[in-house]
């Protein structure tokens, strides 16, 4: 990870060019202010999915079903299928 101190002269396009290759820690006055990480179209798909309210609701529902003992385990599925 590379650290870049932000100033008024810091070029955004150079930061973005470097961020395509490695993580960048941006600092101002010696304090961390942002982490810029490489990110592509596939990452965007995953990010969008992971922040989709319907997806988050379904995950919460599934976790509650497991907590309530209403989930079927992998071992139970194998038994039911005779495997």
C-alpha atoms as a PDB file:
ATOM      1  CA  UNK A   1       0.000   0.000   0.000  1.00  0.00           C
ATOM      2  CA  UNK A   2       1.322   3.383  -0.963  1.00  0.00           C
ATOM      3  CA  UNK A   3       0.700   6.552   1.049  1.00  0.00           C
ATOM      4  CA  UNK A   4       0.014   9.843  -0.708  1.00  0.00           C
ATOM      5  CA  UNK A   5      -0.104  13.160   1.159  1.00  0.00           C
ATOM      6  CA  UNK A   6      -2.881  15.303  -0.284  1.00  0.00           C
ATOM      7  CA  UNK A   7      -2.118  18.902  -1.122  1.00  0.00           C
ATOM      8  CA  UNK A   8      -3.776  21.497  -3.296  1.00  0.00           C
ATOM      9  CA  UNK A   9      -1.460  20.355  -6.084  1.00  0.00           C
ATOM     10  CA  UNK A  10      -2.288  16.640  -5.866  1.00  0.00           C
ATOM     11  CA  UNK A  11      -3.598  15.512  -9.257  1.00  0.00           C
ATOM     12  CA  UNK A  12      -6.726  13.370  -9.049  1.00  0.00           C
ATOM     13  CA  UNK A  13      -6.038  11.686 -12.374  1.00  0.00           C
ATOM     14  CA  UNK A  14      -2.625  10.510 -11.125  1.00  0.00           C
ATOM     15  CA  UNK A  15      -4.236   9.096  -7.957  1.00  0.00           C
ATOM     16  CA  UNK A  16      -6.773   7.201 -10.065  1.00  0.00           C
ATOM     17  CA  UNK A  17      -4.055   5.887 -12.385  1.00  0.00           C
ATOM     18  CA  UNK A  18      -2.052   4.580  -9.424  1.00  0.00           C
ATOM     19  CA  UNK A  19      -5.172   3.166  -7.736  1.00  0.00           C
ATOM     20  CA  UNK A  20      -5.740   0.878 -10.713  1.00  0.00           C
ATOM     21  CA  UNK A  21      -2.604  -0.995  -9.643  1.00  0.00           C
ATOM     22  CA  UNK A  22      -2.426  -0.802  -5.843  1.00  0.00           C
ATOM     23  CA  UNK A  23      -4.177   0.430  -2.720  1.00  0.00           C
ATOM     24  CA  UNK A  24      -3.479   4.038  -1.844  1.00  0.00           C
ATOM     25  CA  UNK A  25      -3.776   5.574   1.603  1.00  0.00           C
ATOM     26  CA  UNK A  26      -4.536   9.276   1.253  1.00  0.00           C
ATOM     27  CA  UNK A  27      -3.480  11.535   4.094  1.00  0.00           C
ATOM     28  CA  UNK A  28      -4.024  15.189   4.922  1.00  0.00           C
ATOM     29  CA  UNK A  29      -1.909  16.921   7.539  1.00  0.00           C
ATOM     30  CA  UNK A  30      -0.465  13.538   8.524  1.00  0.00           C
ATOM     31  CA  UNK A  31      -3.867  11.919   9.172  1.00  0.00           C
ATOM     32  CA  UNK A  32      -5.495   9.196   7.090  1.00  0.00           C
ATOM     33  CA  UNK A  33      -8.557  10.466   5.220  1.00  0.00           C
ATOM     34  CA  UNK A  34      -9.277   7.801   2.587  1.00  0.00           C
ATOM     35  CA  UNK A  35      -8.264   4.437   1.260  1.00  0.00           C
ATOM     36  CA  UNK A  36      -8.477   4.098  -2.522  1.00  0.00           C
ATOM     37  CA  UNK A  37      -8.438   0.516  -3.736  1.00  0.00           C
ATOM     38  CA  UNK A  38      -8.399  -1.015  -7.208  1.00  0.00           C
ATOM     39  CA  UNK A  39     -11.983  -1.561  -8.376  1.00  0.00           C
ATOM     40  CA  UNK A  40     -13.313  -2.893 -11.678  1.00  0.00           C
ATOM     41  CA  UNK A  41     -16.696  -3.623 -13.270  1.00  0.00           C
ATOM     42  CA  UNK A  42     -16.906  -7.058 -11.624  1.00  0.00           C
ATOM     43  CA  UNK A  43     -16.216  -5.482  -8.235  1.00  0.00           C
ATOM     44  CA  UNK A  44     -19.002  -2.987  -8.941  1.00  0.00           C
ATOM     45  CA  UNK A  45     -21.479  -5.823  -9.536  1.00  0.00           C
ATOM     46  CA  UNK A  46     -20.577  -7.442  -6.211  1.00  0.00           C
ATOM     47  CA  UNK A  47     -20.643  -4.109  -4.384  1.00  0.00           C
ATOM     48  CA  UNK A  48     -24.096  -3.306  -5.750  1.00  0.00           C
ATOM     49  CA  UNK A  49     -25.413  -6.749  -4.823  1.00  0.00           C
ATOM     50  CA  UNK A  50     -23.949  -6.608  -1.309  1.00  0.00           C
ATOM     51  CA  UNK A  51     -25.614  -3.243  -0.686  1.00  0.00           C
ATOM     52  CA  UNK A  52     -28.992  -4.120  -2.220  1.00  0.00           C
ATOM     53  CA  UNK A  53     -31.667  -3.750   0.505  1.00  0.00           C
ATOM     54  CA  UNK A  54     -33.552  -6.844  -0.739  1.00  0.00           C
ATOM     55  CA  UNK A  55     -30.373  -8.939  -0.594  1.00  0.00           C
ATOM     56  CA  UNK A  56     -29.560  -7.670   2.903  1.00  0.00           C
ATOM     57  CA  UNK A  57     -33.103  -8.473   4.036  1.00  0.00           C
ATOM     58  CA  UNK A  58     -32.862 -12.007   2.638  1.00  0.00           C
ATOM     59  CA  UNK A  59     -29.548 -12.572   4.447  1.00  0.00           C
ATOM     60  CA  UNK A  60     -31.039 -11.326   7.724  1.00  0.00           C
ATOM     61  CA  UNK A  61     -34.048 -13.620   7.239  1.00  0.00           C
ATOM     62  CA  UNK A  62     -31.794 -16.617   6.538  1.00  0.00           C
ATOM     63  CA  UNK A  63     -29.685 -15.900   9.618  1.00  0.00           C
ATOM     64  CA  UNK A  64     -32.817 -15.715  11.750  1.00  0.00           C
ATOM     65  CA  UNK A  65     -34.044 -19.041  10.346  1.00  0.00           C
ATOM     66  CA  UNK A  66     -30.725 -20.633  11.322  1.00  0.00           C
ATOM     67  CA  UNK A  67     -30.923 -19.078  14.797  1.00  0.00           C
ATOM     68  CA  UNK A  68     -34.488 -20.394  15.170  1.00  0.00           C
ATOM     69  CA  UNK A  69     -33.440 -23.896  14.112  1.00  0.00           C
ATOM     70  CA  UNK A  70     -35.574 -23.706  10.965  1.00  0.00           C
ATOM     71  CA  UNK A  71     -32.731 -24.352   8.543  1.00  0.00           C
ATOM     72  CA  UNK A  72     -31.820 -27.645   6.921  1.00  0.00           C
ATOM     73  CA  UNK A  73     -28.175 -28.597   7.349  1.00  0.00           C
ATOM     74  CA  UNK A  74     -25.976 -29.980   4.606  1.00  0.00           C
ATOM     75  CA  UNK A  75     -25.837 -33.265   6.510  1.00  0.00           C
ATOM     76  CA  UNK A  76     -29.672 -33.431   6.628  1.00  0.00           C
ATOM     77  CA  UNK A  77     -29.889 -32.860   2.867  1.00  0.00           C
ATOM     78  CA  UNK A  78     -27.402 -35.682   2.259  1.00  0.00           C
ATOM     79  CA  UNK A  79     -29.436 -38.025   4.482  1.00  0.00           C
ATOM     80  CA  UNK A  80     -32.699 -37.114   2.712  1.00  0.00           C
ATOM     81  CA  UNK A  81     -31.051 -37.738  -0.665  1.00  0.00           C
ATOM     82  CA  UNK A  82     -29.531 -41.001   0.498  1.00  0.00           C
ATOM     83  CA  UNK A  83     -25.979 -39.836  -0.037  1.00  0.00           C
END
